[in-house]
N, C-alpha and C. Protein backbone atom coordinates (compact mmCIF):
# COMPACT_ATOMS: atom_id res chain seq x y z
N UNK A 1 -268.94 -31.45 64.62
CA UNK A 1 -268.27 -30.33 65.26
C UNK A 1 -268.15 -30.55 66.77
N UNK A 2 -269.24 -31.08 67.40
CA UNK A 2 -269.22 -31.33 68.83
C UNK A 2 -268.18 -32.39 69.17
N UNK A 3 -268.07 -33.41 68.34
CA UNK A 3 -267.07 -34.46 68.58
C UNK A 3 -265.65 -33.90 68.47
N UNK A 4 -265.43 -32.99 67.52
CA UNK A 4 -264.11 -32.37 67.36
C UNK A 4 -263.76 -31.55 68.61
N UNK A 5 -264.75 -30.82 69.14
CA UNK A 5 -264.54 -30.04 70.35
C UNK A 5 -264.24 -30.93 71.55
N UNK A 6 -265.01 -32.00 71.71
CA UNK A 6 -264.79 -32.92 72.83
C UNK A 6 -263.43 -33.59 72.73
N UNK A 7 -263.02 -33.93 71.51
CA UNK A 7 -261.75 -34.62 71.29
C UNK A 7 -260.56 -33.71 71.64
N UNK A 8 -260.67 -32.44 71.36
CA UNK A 8 -259.55 -31.51 71.55
C UNK A 8 -259.73 -30.61 72.78
N UNK A 9 -260.69 -30.93 73.63
CA UNK A 9 -260.97 -30.09 74.80
C UNK A 9 -259.76 -29.94 75.72
N UNK A 10 -259.10 -31.04 76.02
CA UNK A 10 -257.92 -30.98 76.92
C UNK A 10 -256.79 -30.17 76.29
N UNK A 11 -256.59 -30.33 75.01
CA UNK A 11 -255.55 -29.59 74.32
C UNK A 11 -255.87 -28.09 74.33
N UNK A 12 -257.12 -27.74 74.12
CA UNK A 12 -257.56 -26.35 74.16
C UNK A 12 -257.36 -25.74 75.54
N UNK A 13 -257.73 -26.47 76.59
CA UNK A 13 -257.54 -25.99 77.97
C UNK A 13 -256.06 -25.82 78.28
N UNK A 14 -255.23 -26.76 77.88
CA UNK A 14 -253.78 -26.66 78.13
C UNK A 14 -253.20 -25.44 77.41
N UNK A 15 -253.63 -25.19 76.19
CA UNK A 15 -253.17 -24.02 75.45
C UNK A 15 -253.59 -22.72 76.11
N UNK A 16 -254.83 -22.65 76.57
CA UNK A 16 -255.30 -21.45 77.25
C UNK A 16 -254.56 -21.20 78.56
N UNK A 17 -254.30 -22.27 79.32
CA UNK A 17 -253.54 -22.11 80.57
C UNK A 17 -252.11 -21.64 80.29
N UNK A 18 -251.49 -22.18 79.26
CA UNK A 18 -250.15 -21.75 78.89
C UNK A 18 -250.12 -20.28 78.50
N UNK A 19 -251.10 -19.86 77.71
CA UNK A 19 -251.19 -18.46 77.31
C UNK A 19 -251.42 -17.55 78.52
N UNK A 20 -252.26 -17.98 79.43
CA UNK A 20 -252.51 -17.22 80.65
C UNK A 20 -251.24 -17.07 81.48
N UNK A 21 -250.47 -18.13 81.63
CA UNK A 21 -249.22 -18.05 82.39
C UNK A 21 -248.22 -17.12 81.74
N UNK A 22 -248.12 -17.15 80.43
CA UNK A 22 -247.19 -16.27 79.73
C UNK A 22 -247.56 -14.81 79.90
N UNK A 23 -248.83 -14.49 79.80
CA UNK A 23 -249.23 -13.09 79.93
C UNK A 23 -249.13 -12.59 81.35
N UNK A 24 -249.37 -13.42 82.33
CA UNK A 24 -249.28 -13.00 83.74
C UNK A 24 -247.84 -12.69 84.13
N UNK A 25 -246.86 -13.37 83.57
CA UNK A 25 -245.46 -13.14 83.93
C UNK A 25 -244.89 -11.87 83.33
N UNK A 26 -245.59 -11.24 82.40
CA UNK A 26 -245.07 -10.04 81.76
C UNK A 26 -245.48 -8.76 82.45
N UNK A 27 -246.28 -8.82 83.50
CA UNK A 27 -246.67 -7.62 84.22
C UNK A 27 -245.53 -7.16 85.13
N UNK A 28 -245.30 -5.85 85.20
CA UNK A 28 -244.28 -5.29 86.06
C UNK A 28 -244.75 -5.37 87.50
N UNK A 29 -243.87 -5.83 88.38
CA UNK A 29 -244.22 -6.01 89.78
C UNK A 29 -243.53 -4.98 90.67
N UNK A 30 -243.19 -3.84 90.11
CA UNK A 30 -242.51 -2.81 90.88
C UNK A 30 -243.45 -2.20 91.91
N UNK A 31 -242.87 -1.75 93.00
CA UNK A 31 -243.67 -1.11 94.03
C UNK A 31 -242.77 -0.18 94.84
N UNK A 32 -243.39 0.60 95.69
CA UNK A 32 -242.67 1.52 96.55
C UNK A 32 -242.28 0.77 97.82
N UNK A 33 -241.06 0.25 97.84
CA UNK A 33 -240.56 -0.55 98.96
C UNK A 33 -239.65 0.29 99.85
N UNK A 34 -239.33 -0.24 101.00
CA UNK A 34 -238.37 0.37 101.91
C UNK A 34 -237.23 -0.61 102.13
N UNK A 35 -236.21 -0.55 101.29
CA UNK A 35 -235.05 -1.43 101.40
C UNK A 35 -234.04 -0.78 102.35
N UNK A 36 -233.62 -1.50 103.34
CA UNK A 36 -232.68 -0.95 104.32
C UNK A 36 -231.27 -0.89 103.76
N UNK A 37 -230.53 0.13 104.14
CA UNK A 37 -229.10 0.16 103.88
C UNK A 37 -228.38 0.56 105.16
N UNK A 38 -227.22 -0.03 105.36
CA UNK A 38 -226.32 0.30 106.47
C UNK A 38 -224.92 0.23 105.88
N UNK A 39 -224.32 1.39 105.67
CA UNK A 39 -223.05 1.47 104.94
C UNK A 39 -222.02 2.26 105.73
N UNK A 40 -220.74 1.96 105.49
CA UNK A 40 -219.65 2.78 106.01
C UNK A 40 -219.19 3.68 104.88
N UNK A 41 -219.39 4.97 105.07
CA UNK A 41 -219.05 5.95 104.06
C UNK A 41 -217.55 6.22 104.14
N UNK A 42 -216.87 6.09 103.02
CA UNK A 42 -215.41 6.20 102.97
C UNK A 42 -214.95 7.65 103.08
N UNK A 43 -213.71 7.85 103.53
CA UNK A 43 -213.16 9.21 103.60
C UNK A 43 -212.79 9.73 102.21
N UNK A 44 -212.54 11.02 102.16
CA UNK A 44 -212.04 11.70 100.95
C UNK A 44 -212.92 11.46 99.72
N UNK A 45 -214.23 11.56 99.90
CA UNK A 45 -215.21 11.40 98.82
C UNK A 45 -215.16 10.01 98.17
N UNK A 46 -214.68 9.01 98.91
CA UNK A 46 -214.71 7.64 98.39
C UNK A 46 -216.14 7.16 98.26
N UNK A 47 -216.42 6.38 97.23
CA UNK A 47 -217.77 5.90 96.98
C UNK A 47 -218.03 4.57 97.69
N UNK A 48 -219.22 4.44 98.24
CA UNK A 48 -219.67 3.23 98.91
C UNK A 48 -220.99 2.82 98.26
N UNK A 49 -221.22 1.49 98.12
CA UNK A 49 -222.38 1.01 97.39
C UNK A 49 -223.20 0.02 98.22
N UNK A 50 -224.51 0.09 98.05
CA UNK A 50 -225.42 -0.87 98.67
C UNK A 50 -225.42 -2.16 97.85
N UNK A 51 -226.19 -3.13 98.30
CA UNK A 51 -226.42 -4.31 97.48
C UNK A 51 -227.27 -3.89 96.29
N UNK A 52 -227.22 -4.67 95.23
CA UNK A 52 -227.94 -4.29 94.01
C UNK A 52 -229.38 -4.78 94.01
N UNK A 53 -230.19 -4.07 93.27
CA UNK A 53 -231.60 -4.41 93.06
C UNK A 53 -231.88 -4.28 91.57
N UNK A 54 -232.85 -5.05 91.09
CA UNK A 54 -233.21 -4.97 89.68
C UNK A 54 -234.25 -3.87 89.49
N UNK A 55 -233.92 -2.88 88.69
CA UNK A 55 -234.84 -1.80 88.35
C UNK A 55 -235.58 -2.24 87.09
N UNK A 56 -236.85 -2.63 87.25
CA UNK A 56 -237.62 -3.25 86.18
C UNK A 56 -238.08 -2.27 85.12
N UNK A 57 -238.25 -1.03 85.48
CA UNK A 57 -238.92 -0.06 84.61
C UNK A 57 -238.08 0.32 83.40
N UNK A 58 -238.78 0.73 82.36
CA UNK A 58 -238.16 1.34 81.18
C UNK A 58 -238.40 2.85 81.17
N UNK A 59 -238.94 3.38 82.26
CA UNK A 59 -239.32 4.79 82.35
C UNK A 59 -238.37 5.56 83.25
N UNK A 60 -237.71 6.56 82.71
CA UNK A 60 -236.79 7.36 83.53
C UNK A 60 -237.55 8.22 84.53
N UNK A 61 -238.84 8.44 84.30
CA UNK A 61 -239.60 9.25 85.23
C UNK A 61 -240.15 8.45 86.41
N UNK A 62 -239.87 7.14 86.48
CA UNK A 62 -240.22 6.33 87.65
C UNK A 62 -239.15 6.61 88.70
N UNK A 63 -239.46 7.39 89.73
CA UNK A 63 -238.41 7.84 90.64
C UNK A 63 -237.88 6.75 91.56
N UNK A 64 -236.62 6.93 91.96
CA UNK A 64 -236.04 6.13 93.02
C UNK A 64 -236.11 6.97 94.30
N UNK A 65 -235.91 6.32 95.42
CA UNK A 65 -236.12 6.97 96.71
C UNK A 65 -234.93 6.72 97.63
N UNK A 66 -234.62 7.71 98.46
CA UNK A 66 -233.62 7.55 99.52
C UNK A 66 -234.05 8.35 100.74
N UNK A 67 -233.76 7.79 101.91
CA UNK A 67 -234.05 8.45 103.19
C UNK A 67 -232.87 8.17 104.11
N UNK A 68 -232.06 9.19 104.38
CA UNK A 68 -230.92 9.06 105.30
C UNK A 68 -231.44 9.25 106.72
N UNK A 69 -231.61 8.15 107.43
CA UNK A 69 -232.21 8.20 108.77
C UNK A 69 -231.19 8.44 109.87
N UNK A 70 -230.01 7.85 109.76
CA UNK A 70 -228.97 8.00 110.80
C UNK A 70 -227.61 8.18 110.14
N UNK A 71 -226.79 9.01 110.75
CA UNK A 71 -225.42 9.20 110.30
C UNK A 71 -224.53 9.38 111.53
N UNK A 72 -223.43 8.65 111.57
CA UNK A 72 -222.49 8.79 112.69
C UNK A 72 -221.78 10.14 112.66
N UNK A 73 -221.90 10.84 111.55
CA UNK A 73 -221.30 12.16 111.47
C UNK A 73 -222.07 13.17 112.32
N UNK A 74 -223.35 12.86 112.61
CA UNK A 74 -224.15 13.72 113.48
C UNK A 74 -225.50 14.04 112.87
N UNK A 75 -226.36 14.58 113.71
CA UNK A 75 -227.71 14.93 113.28
C UNK A 75 -227.65 16.08 112.27
N UNK A 76 -228.49 15.97 111.23
CA UNK A 76 -228.59 17.04 110.24
C UNK A 76 -227.46 17.11 109.24
N UNK A 77 -226.56 16.14 109.25
CA UNK A 77 -225.46 16.15 108.29
C UNK A 77 -225.96 15.76 106.90
N UNK A 78 -225.14 15.97 105.91
CA UNK A 78 -225.53 15.75 104.51
C UNK A 78 -224.62 14.72 103.88
N UNK A 79 -225.22 13.79 103.13
CA UNK A 79 -224.49 12.82 102.32
C UNK A 79 -224.98 12.96 100.87
N UNK A 80 -224.14 12.57 99.93
CA UNK A 80 -224.47 12.64 98.51
C UNK A 80 -224.83 11.25 98.02
N UNK A 81 -226.01 11.12 97.36
CA UNK A 81 -226.52 9.83 96.89
C UNK A 81 -226.79 9.87 95.39
N UNK A 82 -226.69 8.70 94.75
CA UNK A 82 -227.08 8.53 93.36
C UNK A 82 -227.23 7.04 93.08
N UNK A 83 -227.77 6.70 91.94
CA UNK A 83 -227.86 5.30 91.51
C UNK A 83 -226.74 5.00 90.54
N UNK A 84 -226.23 3.77 90.62
CA UNK A 84 -225.25 3.30 89.64
C UNK A 84 -225.79 2.05 88.97
N UNK A 85 -225.39 1.85 87.73
CA UNK A 85 -225.71 0.61 87.03
C UNK A 85 -224.60 -0.38 87.36
N UNK A 86 -224.96 -1.56 87.89
CA UNK A 86 -223.93 -2.49 88.37
C UNK A 86 -223.51 -3.52 87.33
N UNK A 87 -224.15 -3.58 86.17
CA UNK A 87 -223.76 -4.55 85.14
C UNK A 87 -222.56 -4.10 84.34
N UNK A 88 -222.10 -2.90 84.56
CA UNK A 88 -221.00 -2.35 83.80
C UNK A 88 -219.83 -2.13 84.76
N UNK A 89 -218.65 -2.56 84.38
CA UNK A 89 -217.50 -2.50 85.29
C UNK A 89 -217.09 -1.06 85.62
N UNK A 90 -217.47 -0.09 84.78
CA UNK A 90 -217.10 1.29 85.07
C UNK A 90 -218.13 1.98 85.98
N UNK A 91 -219.18 1.25 86.38
CA UNK A 91 -220.21 1.76 87.28
C UNK A 91 -220.76 3.12 86.84
N UNK A 92 -221.39 3.17 85.66
CA UNK A 92 -221.92 4.46 85.21
C UNK A 92 -223.07 4.92 86.10
N UNK A 93 -223.18 6.23 86.20
CA UNK A 93 -224.26 6.80 87.00
C UNK A 93 -225.59 6.59 86.30
N UNK A 94 -226.54 6.03 87.04
CA UNK A 94 -227.89 5.83 86.53
C UNK A 94 -228.81 6.95 86.98
N UNK A 95 -228.25 7.96 87.63
CA UNK A 95 -229.00 9.17 88.01
C UNK A 95 -228.00 10.27 88.30
N UNK A 96 -228.51 11.46 88.46
CA UNK A 96 -227.67 12.57 88.93
C UNK A 96 -227.38 12.37 90.42
N UNK A 97 -226.40 13.09 90.94
CA UNK A 97 -226.10 13.05 92.36
C UNK A 97 -227.02 14.03 93.09
N UNK A 98 -227.34 13.68 94.34
CA UNK A 98 -228.25 14.51 95.14
C UNK A 98 -227.78 14.54 96.58
N UNK A 99 -227.72 15.73 97.17
CA UNK A 99 -227.39 15.88 98.58
C UNK A 99 -228.64 15.69 99.41
N UNK A 100 -228.54 14.82 100.42
CA UNK A 100 -229.68 14.50 101.28
C UNK A 100 -229.28 14.75 102.73
N UNK A 101 -230.10 15.50 103.41
CA UNK A 101 -229.85 15.83 104.81
C UNK A 101 -230.41 14.73 105.71
N UNK A 102 -229.62 14.33 106.69
CA UNK A 102 -230.04 13.31 107.65
C UNK A 102 -231.29 13.78 108.38
N UNK A 103 -232.29 12.87 108.47
CA UNK A 103 -233.50 13.17 109.19
C UNK A 103 -234.54 13.96 108.42
N UNK A 104 -234.32 14.19 107.12
CA UNK A 104 -235.25 15.02 106.34
C UNK A 104 -236.32 14.23 105.60
N UNK A 105 -236.39 12.91 105.84
CA UNK A 105 -237.45 12.10 105.24
C UNK A 105 -237.10 11.56 103.87
N UNK A 106 -238.13 11.06 103.19
CA UNK A 106 -237.95 10.47 101.86
C UNK A 106 -237.69 11.54 100.81
N UNK A 107 -236.75 11.24 99.93
CA UNK A 107 -236.46 12.10 98.77
C UNK A 107 -236.60 11.24 97.52
N UNK A 108 -237.28 11.77 96.50
CA UNK A 108 -237.56 11.05 95.27
C UNK A 108 -236.86 11.74 94.10
N UNK A 109 -236.15 10.94 93.28
CA UNK A 109 -235.39 11.49 92.16
C UNK A 109 -235.57 10.61 90.93
N UNK A 110 -235.43 11.22 89.77
CA UNK A 110 -235.53 10.48 88.51
C UNK A 110 -234.19 9.86 88.15
N UNK A 111 -234.24 8.70 87.53
CA UNK A 111 -233.05 8.04 87.00
C UNK A 111 -232.84 8.49 85.57
N UNK A 112 -231.72 8.07 84.97
CA UNK A 112 -231.53 8.29 83.55
C UNK A 112 -231.66 6.94 82.82
N UNK A 113 -231.46 6.93 81.52
CA UNK A 113 -231.69 5.70 80.75
C UNK A 113 -230.72 4.58 81.10
N UNK A 114 -229.58 4.88 81.71
CA UNK A 114 -228.65 3.81 82.14
C UNK A 114 -229.23 3.01 83.30
N UNK A 115 -230.29 3.52 83.93
CA UNK A 115 -230.95 2.82 85.02
C UNK A 115 -232.22 2.10 84.61
N UNK A 116 -232.45 1.97 83.32
CA UNK A 116 -233.66 1.30 82.84
C UNK A 116 -233.46 -0.19 82.67
N UNK A 117 -234.32 -0.97 83.29
CA UNK A 117 -234.38 -2.43 83.15
C UNK A 117 -232.99 -3.06 83.36
N UNK A 118 -232.38 -2.76 84.50
CA UNK A 118 -231.03 -3.25 84.80
C UNK A 118 -230.83 -3.30 86.31
N UNK A 119 -229.76 -3.94 86.73
CA UNK A 119 -229.39 -3.95 88.15
C UNK A 119 -228.75 -2.62 88.51
N UNK A 120 -229.20 -2.07 89.63
CA UNK A 120 -228.65 -0.81 90.12
C UNK A 120 -228.34 -0.95 91.60
N UNK A 121 -227.51 -0.06 92.09
CA UNK A 121 -227.20 0.01 93.52
C UNK A 121 -227.24 1.47 93.95
N UNK A 122 -227.44 1.67 95.22
CA UNK A 122 -227.38 3.02 95.79
C UNK A 122 -225.93 3.34 96.07
N UNK A 123 -225.47 4.48 95.59
CA UNK A 123 -224.11 4.94 95.84
C UNK A 123 -224.18 6.12 96.80
N UNK A 124 -223.17 6.22 97.67
CA UNK A 124 -223.14 7.32 98.64
C UNK A 124 -221.70 7.76 98.86
N UNK A 125 -221.53 9.04 99.09
CA UNK A 125 -220.25 9.59 99.53
C UNK A 125 -220.53 10.75 100.47
N UNK A 126 -219.55 11.05 101.30
CA UNK A 126 -219.67 12.19 102.18
C UNK A 126 -219.58 13.46 101.34
N UNK A 127 -220.43 14.42 101.60
CA UNK A 127 -220.37 15.67 100.83
C UNK A 127 -219.19 16.54 101.26
N UNK A 128 -218.58 16.20 102.40
CA UNK A 128 -217.39 16.92 102.87
C UNK A 128 -216.14 16.11 102.56
N UNK A 129 -215.05 16.79 102.26
CA UNK A 129 -213.77 16.12 102.03
C UNK A 129 -213.14 15.88 103.40
N UNK A 130 -213.43 14.69 103.96
CA UNK A 130 -213.06 14.38 105.34
C UNK A 130 -212.16 13.15 105.37
N UNK A 131 -211.33 13.04 106.40
CA UNK A 131 -210.45 11.88 106.56
C UNK A 131 -211.10 10.77 107.38
N UNK A 132 -212.36 10.90 107.75
CA UNK A 132 -213.04 9.95 108.63
C UNK A 132 -214.03 9.07 107.87
N UNK A 133 -214.17 7.84 108.37
CA UNK A 133 -215.25 6.94 107.95
C UNK A 133 -216.47 7.25 108.81
N UNK A 134 -217.66 7.17 108.22
CA UNK A 134 -218.90 7.36 108.97
C UNK A 134 -219.89 6.27 108.58
N UNK A 135 -220.63 5.79 109.56
CA UNK A 135 -221.72 4.87 109.23
C UNK A 135 -222.94 5.68 108.84
N UNK A 136 -223.70 5.14 107.90
CA UNK A 136 -224.94 5.78 107.45
C UNK A 136 -225.99 4.70 107.31
N UNK A 137 -227.20 4.97 107.81
CA UNK A 137 -228.30 4.01 107.73
C UNK A 137 -229.55 4.71 107.23
N UNK A 138 -230.38 3.93 106.55
CA UNK A 138 -231.64 4.47 106.08
C UNK A 138 -232.36 3.49 105.20
N UNK A 139 -233.23 4.02 104.36
CA UNK A 139 -233.97 3.19 103.41
C UNK A 139 -233.83 3.77 102.01
N UNK A 140 -234.02 2.90 101.03
CA UNK A 140 -234.02 3.33 99.64
C UNK A 140 -234.89 2.39 98.83
N UNK A 141 -235.17 2.76 97.62
CA UNK A 141 -235.90 1.91 96.68
C UNK A 141 -235.47 2.29 95.27
N UNK A 142 -235.22 1.30 94.45
CA UNK A 142 -234.72 1.54 93.09
C UNK A 142 -235.79 2.09 92.15
N UNK A 143 -237.07 1.87 92.46
CA UNK A 143 -238.19 2.43 91.70
C UNK A 143 -239.41 2.44 92.61
N UNK A 144 -240.28 3.41 92.40
CA UNK A 144 -241.35 3.57 93.38
C UNK A 144 -242.76 3.41 92.83
N UNK A 145 -242.91 3.16 91.53
CA UNK A 145 -244.23 2.83 91.00
C UNK A 145 -244.13 1.86 89.86
């Protein structure tokens, strides 16, 4: 028995290392990040989108976050935000829309099942029907835990 163990020791170690690597890669690495966005919000309720991020979670109760820090429209103005799924050409909403006031800090919202384990982007439009473009800056995160 000892000879069999000695003979297959390297094979046993290689198998254990392989198993360890496979199990370590399956852990979710999501965290509460602060991803910057700087977008030009289109006139007449036109939609503008951030770069996409992979939303790893399968849980709709894992909230996404947005913080509208600056708006060229002025202090205290409101923009409408939501998540979109970017793998689909029709850009389905991966969350409800939410009005966020500039300077009001972090806001956390739940996604829907279209935002589970897929690429999403932050979508924004002006809450007013205006003929002007406005720059908007802040932070967001596709999932926070």
